[in-house]
N, C-alpha and C. Protein backbone atom coordinates (compact mmCIF):
# COMPACT_ATOMS: atom_id res chain seq x y z
N LYS A 1 4.42 14.57 9.22
CA LYS A 1 4.41 13.22 9.97
C LYS A 1 2.87 12.77 10.06
N GLN A 2 1.91 13.50 10.16
CA GLN A 2 1.09 13.42 9.87
C GLN A 2 0.20 11.98 8.91
N TRP A 3 0.62 11.85 7.63
CA TRP A 3 0.30 11.22 7.08
C TRP A 3 0.28 9.74 7.49
N TYR A 4 0.99 9.19 8.04
CA TYR A 4 1.09 8.16 9.05
C TYR A 4 -0.03 7.57 10.00
N GLN A 5 -0.34 9.09 10.26
CA GLN A 5 -1.51 8.74 11.62
C GLN A 5 -2.99 8.80 11.28
N ARG A 6 -3.43 9.09 10.30
CA ARG A 6 -4.34 9.16 9.57
C ARG A 6 -5.47 7.96 10.00
N ARG A 7 -6.01 7.89 10.07
CA ARG A 7 -7.59 6.28 9.65
C ARG A 7 -7.91 6.71 8.12
N VAL A 8 -8.41 5.38 8.04
CA VAL A 8 -8.40 5.65 6.21
C VAL A 8 -10.17 5.20 6.62
N ARG A 9 -11.09 5.63 6.38
CA ARG A 9 -11.97 5.28 6.57
C ARG A 9 -12.90 4.24 5.26
N VAL A 10 -12.60 3.21 5.77
CA VAL A 10 -13.78 2.44 4.14
C VAL A 10 -15.00 1.77 4.57
N PRO A 11 -15.59 1.27 4.01
CA PRO A 11 -16.52 0.22 4.58
C PRO A 11 -15.98 -0.99 4.74
N LEU A 12 -17.27 -1.42 5.87
CA LEU A 12 -16.87 -2.18 7.20
C LEU A 12 -16.83 -3.58 6.14
N GLY A 13 -17.55 -3.87 5.03
CA GLY A 13 -17.59 -4.41 4.52
C GLY A 13 -16.80 -5.21 3.85
N LEU A 14 -16.04 -3.88 3.17
CA LEU A 14 -14.99 -3.76 2.60
C LEU A 14 -13.44 -5.16 3.19
N VAL A 15 -13.61 -3.93 3.96
CA VAL A 15 -12.20 -4.62 5.39
C VAL A 15 -12.55 -6.15 5.69
N TYR A 16 -13.92 -6.51 5.95
CA TYR A 16 -14.25 -8.04 6.33
C TYR A 16 -13.15 -8.67 4.84
N ARG A 17 -13.88 -8.24 3.53
CA ARG A 17 -13.70 -9.47 2.54
C ARG A 17 -11.73 -9.39 2.91
N ILE A 18 -11.37 -7.73 2.71
CA ILE A 18 -10.01 -8.14 2.89
C ILE A 18 -8.99 -8.73 4.02
N VAL A 19 -9.73 -8.61 4.68
CA VAL A 19 -9.22 -9.88 6.55
C VAL A 19 -9.81 -10.94 6.11
N ASP A 20 -10.74 -11.84 5.63
CA ASP A 20 -10.98 -13.31 4.25
C ASP A 20 -10.07 -13.42 4.10
N MET A 21 -9.29 -12.34 3.18
CA MET A 21 -8.61 -12.96 2.05
C MET A 21 -6.99 -13.05 2.63
N PHE A 22 -7.09 -12.05 3.69
CA PHE A 22 -5.51 -12.25 5.02
C PHE A 22 -5.96 -13.91 4.78
N LEU A 23 -7.02 -13.17 5.87
CA LEU A 23 -6.98 -15.13 6.40
C LEU A 23 -6.92 -16.58 5.99
N SER A 24 -7.39 -16.46 4.84
CA SER A 24 -7.24 -18.07 4.14
C SER A 24 -5.76 -17.83 2.68
N GLU A 25 -5.24 -16.38 2.03
CA GLU A 25 -3.82 -16.60 1.50
C GLU A 25 -2.85 -16.43 2.16
N GLY A 26 -3.14 -15.39 3.86
CA GLY A 26 -1.64 -15.10 3.85
C GLY A 26 -1.69 -13.82 3.90
N PRO A 27 -0.22 -13.04 4.65
CA PRO A 27 0.09 -11.69 4.51
C PRO A 27 0.56 -10.92 3.22
N ASP A 28 0.52 -11.60 2.11
CA ASP A 28 0.73 -11.11 1.06
C ASP A 28 -0.11 -10.74 0.24
N THR A 29 -1.68 -11.57 1.02
CA THR A 29 -2.85 -9.74 0.66
C THR A 29 -2.94 -8.75 1.04
N LEU A 30 -2.21 -8.32 2.29
CA LEU A 30 -2.03 -6.70 2.08
C LEU A 30 -1.37 -6.20 0.76
N PHE A 31 -0.04 -6.79 0.95
CA PHE A 31 0.41 -6.27 -0.16
C PHE A 31 -0.06 -6.66 -1.65
N LYS A 32 -1.07 -7.40 -2.01
CA LYS A 32 -1.80 -7.50 -2.76
C LYS A 32 -2.93 -6.18 -3.23
N VAL A 33 -3.51 -5.65 -1.64
CA VAL A 33 -4.22 -4.57 -1.53
C VAL A 33 -3.55 -3.57 -2.36
N ALA A 34 -2.59 -3.05 -1.87
CA ALA A 34 -1.86 -1.71 -1.35
C ALA A 34 -1.38 -1.60 -3.02
N VAL A 35 -1.13 -2.78 -3.81
CA VAL A 35 -0.78 -2.82 -5.34
C VAL A 35 -1.71 -2.47 -5.90
N SER A 36 -2.58 -2.74 -5.21
CA SER A 36 -4.31 -3.52 -6.28
C SER A 36 -4.79 -1.20 -6.12
N LEU A 37 -4.56 -1.07 -4.61
CA LEU A 37 -4.82 0.24 -4.30
C LEU A 37 -3.83 1.39 -6.07
N LEU A 38 -3.01 1.34 -5.25
CA LEU A 38 -1.19 1.95 -6.63
C LEU A 38 -1.95 2.10 -7.60
N LYS A 39 -2.64 1.09 -8.11
CA LYS A 39 -2.55 -0.09 -9.25
C LYS A 39 -4.31 1.15 -10.09
N LEU A 40 -4.93 0.98 -8.68
CA LEU A 40 -6.04 2.23 -9.72
C LEU A 40 -6.52 2.82 -9.97
N SER A 41 -5.43 3.30 -8.86
CA SER A 41 -5.06 4.54 -8.54
C SER A 41 -4.08 5.77 -9.18
N ARG A 42 -3.73 4.58 -10.28
CA ARG A 42 -2.34 5.55 -11.43
C ARG A 42 -2.97 6.54 -11.42
N ASN A 43 -3.21 6.93 -12.43
CA ASN A 43 -3.94 8.00 -13.84
C ASN A 43 -3.92 9.48 -12.66
N GLU A 44 -4.66 9.23 -11.10
CA GLU A 44 -5.28 10.31 -10.76
C GLU A 44 -3.65 11.18 -9.61
N LEU A 45 -2.68 9.06 -9.13
CA LEU A 45 -1.57 10.03 -8.76
C LEU A 45 -0.67 10.37 -9.62
N ILE A 46 -0.26 9.69 -11.06
CA ILE A 46 0.58 10.36 -11.98
C ILE A 46 0.88 11.50 -12.12
N SER A 47 0.16 12.98 -11.68
CA SER A 47 0.12 14.01 -12.08
C SER A 47 0.34 14.69 -10.79
N GLN A 48 0.37 14.64 -9.60
CA GLN A 48 0.39 14.97 -8.47
C GLN A 48 1.60 15.12 -7.90
N ASP A 49 2.44 15.89 -6.38
CA ASP A 49 2.98 15.63 -6.29
C ASP A 49 2.45 15.55 -4.30
N PHE A 50 4.08 15.12 -4.20
CA PHE A 50 4.19 14.53 -2.18
C PHE A 50 2.95 15.01 -2.11
N GLU A 51 2.61 16.16 -1.58
CA GLU A 51 1.25 16.59 -0.75
C GLU A 51 0.03 16.31 -0.82
N GLU A 52 0.01 16.64 -3.10
CA GLU A 52 -1.54 16.15 -3.42
C GLU A 52 -1.64 14.39 -3.20
N MET A 53 -0.89 13.68 -3.43
CA MET A 53 -1.23 12.51 -2.73
C MET A 53 -1.55 12.27 -1.61
N LEU A 54 -0.18 12.34 -0.51
CA LEU A 54 -1.24 12.92 0.76
C LEU A 54 -2.74 12.94 0.84
N LYS A 55 -2.61 13.80 0.53
CA LYS A 55 -4.08 14.38 -0.03
C LYS A 55 -5.45 13.24 -0.33
N TYR A 56 -4.91 12.75 -1.05
CA TYR A 56 -5.73 11.87 -2.13
C TYR A 56 -5.66 10.74 -1.07
N PHE A 57 -4.47 10.14 -0.61
CA PHE A 57 -4.97 8.82 0.31
C PHE A 57 -6.05 9.14 1.63
N ARG A 58 -6.17 10.55 2.09
CA ARG A 58 -6.40 10.64 2.57
C ARG A 58 -7.86 10.95 2.61
N VAL A 59 -7.92 11.98 1.92
CA VAL A 59 -9.24 12.52 1.54
C VAL A 59 -10.58 11.38 0.11
N SER A 60 -9.74 11.67 -1.20
CA SER A 60 -10.48 10.72 -2.41
C SER A 60 -10.16 9.36 -2.34
N LEU A 61 -9.27 8.59 -1.45
CA LEU A 61 -9.50 7.53 -2.27
C LEU A 61 -10.05 6.38 -1.52
N PRO A 62 -10.86 7.29 0.11
CA PRO A 62 -11.34 6.44 0.83
C PRO A 62 -12.71 6.48 0.83
N LYS A 63 -13.62 8.14 -0.16
CA LYS A 63 -14.03 7.57 -0.52
C LYS A 63 -14.76 7.37 -1.52
N ARG A 64 -13.53 7.39 -2.46
CA ARG A 64 -13.59 6.24 -3.73
C ARG A 64 -14.30 4.71 -3.85
N PHE A 65 -13.43 3.90 -2.21
CA PHE A 65 -13.59 2.93 -2.47
C PHE A 65 -15.28 2.98 -1.23
N MET A 66 -15.85 4.20 -0.58
CA MET A 66 -17.07 3.24 -0.49
C MET A 66 -17.90 2.96 -1.32
N ASN A 67 -17.98 3.74 -2.57
CA ASN A 67 -19.01 2.51 -3.27
C ASN A 67 -18.62 1.08 -4.03
N LYS A 68 -19.42 0.21 -3.79
CA LYS A 68 -19.82 -1.62 -3.66
C LYS A 68 -18.62 -1.65 -4.92
N LYS A 69 -19.18 -1.04 -5.93
CA LYS A 69 -18.63 -2.17 -6.80
C LYS A 69 -17.05 -1.69 -7.01
N GLN A 70 -16.76 -0.55 -7.00
CA GLN A 70 -15.34 0.51 -6.26
C GLN A 70 -14.35 -0.99 -5.57
N GLY A 71 -15.13 -1.14 -4.96
CA GLY A 71 -14.73 -1.85 -4.03
C GLY A 71 -14.38 -3.48 -3.80
N GLN A 72 -15.37 -4.03 -5.23
CA GLN A 72 -14.88 -5.56 -5.28
C GLN A 72 -14.38 -5.56 -6.63
N LYS A 73 -14.06 -4.38 -7.52
CA LYS A 73 -12.66 -4.66 -8.27
C LYS A 73 -11.67 -3.98 -7.13
N LEU A 74 -11.63 -3.33 -6.08
CA LEU A 74 -10.00 -3.52 -5.53
C LEU A 74 -9.47 -5.16 -5.35
N LEU A 75 -10.71 -5.82 -4.88
CA LEU A 75 -10.29 -7.11 -4.22
C LEU A 75 -10.47 -8.27 -5.95
N SER A 76 -11.16 -7.83 -7.00
CA SER A 76 -11.01 -8.67 -8.23
C SER A 76 -9.25 -8.26 -8.41
N THR A 77 -8.27 -7.35 -8.31
CA THR A 77 -7.60 -6.63 -8.79
C THR A 77 -6.74 -7.11 -8.21
N ALA A 78 -6.87 -7.10 -6.48
CA ALA A 78 -5.58 -7.86 -6.04
C ALA A 78 -5.31 -9.43 -5.71
N ALA A 79 -6.59 -9.95 -6.01
CA ALA A 79 -6.44 -11.32 -6.23
C ALA A 79 -5.82 -11.55 -7.64
N SER A 80 -5.79 -10.48 -8.73
CA SER A 80 -5.35 -11.17 -9.58
C SER A 80 -3.41 -10.73 -9.57
N VAL A 81 -3.35 -9.77 -8.47
CA VAL A 81 -1.93 -9.81 -8.93
C VAL A 81 -0.70 -10.52 -8.03
N LYS A 82 -0.08 -10.99 -8.93
CA LYS A 82 1.16 -11.84 -9.42
C LYS A 82 2.25 -11.14 -8.39
N ILE A 83 2.86 -12.00 -7.24
CA ILE A 83 4.05 -11.93 -6.53
C ILE A 83 5.32 -12.58 -6.56
N ASN A 84 6.00 -12.20 -7.52
CA ASN A 84 7.21 -12.70 -7.61
C ASN A 84 7.88 -12.50 -6.07
N PRO A 85 8.19 -14.08 -5.48
CA PRO A 85 9.30 -14.19 -4.53
C PRO A 85 10.38 -13.78 -4.67
N GLY A 86 10.98 -14.11 -6.13
CA GLY A 86 12.77 -14.20 -6.47
C GLY A 86 12.79 -12.23 -6.42
N LYS A 87 11.70 -11.76 -7.30
CA LYS A 87 11.86 -10.08 -7.19
C LYS A 87 11.97 -9.58 -5.93
N LEU A 88 10.38 -10.14 -5.16
CA LEU A 88 11.05 -9.65 -3.69
C LEU A 88 11.80 -9.39 -2.90
N ALA A 89 12.84 -10.97 -2.72
CA ALA A 89 13.93 -11.21 -2.41
C ALA A 89 14.82 -10.11 -3.16
N VAL A 90 15.05 -9.73 -4.09
CA VAL A 90 16.25 -8.40 -4.59
C VAL A 90 15.94 -7.25 -3.56
N TRP A 91 14.42 -7.30 -3.71
CA TRP A 91 13.87 -5.49 -3.54
C TRP A 91 14.56 -5.64 -2.01
N GLU A 92 13.81 -6.33 -0.72
CA GLU A 92 14.58 -6.70 0.32
C GLU A 92 15.63 -6.82 0.02
N ALA A 93 16.75 -7.02 -0.26
CA ALA A 93 17.78 -6.95 0.30
C ALA A 93 18.48 -5.39 -0.47
N GLN A 94 17.98 -4.72 -1.08
CA GLN A 94 17.63 -3.36 -1.71
C GLN A 94 18.01 -2.98 -0.84
N PHE A 95 17.12 -2.66 -0.12
CA PHE A 95 16.42 -2.16 1.20
C PHE A 95 17.39 -1.88 1.54
N HIS A 96 17.82 -3.38 2.37
CA HIS A 96 18.74 -3.56 4.09
C HIS A 96 19.76 -2.85 3.51
N GLN A 97 20.22 -3.03 2.00
CA GLN A 97 21.76 -2.59 1.84
C GLN A 97 22.12 -0.72 1.68
N LEU A 98 20.37 -0.62 1.20
CA LEU A 98 20.15 1.06 2.33
C LEU A 98 19.84 1.84 3.13
N GLN A 99 19.29 0.63 3.82
CA GLN A 99 19.55 0.29 5.49
C GLN A 99 20.74 1.11 6.17
N ASP A 100 21.53 0.08 5.55
CA ASP A 100 22.91 -0.35 6.18
C ASP A 100 23.75 1.31 5.46
N GLU A 101 24.03 1.52 4.61
CA GLU A 101 24.22 2.80 4.03
C GLU A 101 23.87 4.02 4.62
N LYS A 102 22.24 4.76 5.06
CA LYS A 102 21.69 5.89 5.75
C LYS A 102 22.20 5.27 7.18
N ARG A 103 21.86 4.06 7.75
CA ARG A 103 23.16 3.76 8.98
C ARG A 103 24.67 4.43 9.09
N SER A 104 25.92 3.50 8.40
CA SER A 104 26.57 4.27 7.99
C SER A 104 27.07 5.58 7.89
N LEU A 105 26.61 6.39 7.43
CA LEU A 105 26.23 7.49 7.17
C LEU A 105 25.86 8.68 8.49
N GLN A 106 25.32 8.15 8.92
CA GLN A 106 24.85 8.76 10.70
C GLN A 106 26.08 8.70 11.51
N ASP A 107 25.49 10.32 12.45
CA ASP A 107 26.75 9.95 12.91
C ASP A 107 27.15 9.10 14.50
N PRO A 108 28.33 8.77 14.57
CA PRO A 108 28.51 8.19 15.23
C PRO A 108 28.11 7.44 17.31
N VAL A 109 28.11 8.90 18.23
CA VAL A 109 27.70 9.60 18.84
C VAL A 109 25.93 9.26 18.77
N ARG A 110 25.27 8.90 17.24
CA ARG A 110 23.32 9.17 17.51
C ARG A 110 23.22 7.59 17.40
N ARG A 111 24.32 6.60 16.54
CA ARG A 111 24.05 5.50 16.72
C ARG A 111 23.88 5.18 17.86
């Protein structure tokens, strides 16, 4: 439960640039940055188990982007991410379907 309660520390300049992209391009920016973080960290993450991944996101990832050059690489990768609205709509429908199935399996008293 602690993994979502941690704050990630990155340089303020990088945060400002991401916020600037968010204000100029909209909420898709946050998705693009998240995808970029995964793309840039793929080699490190691919061989780790879940607990190691959580530690990577909490410890190693923020350290990696303290470097201005790496921060710029993150932003340029995020700018190049293409979002297919049709594919996102399909994923959203699948997500809602899974959530509905999960709710239907729950104990009726707990719903």
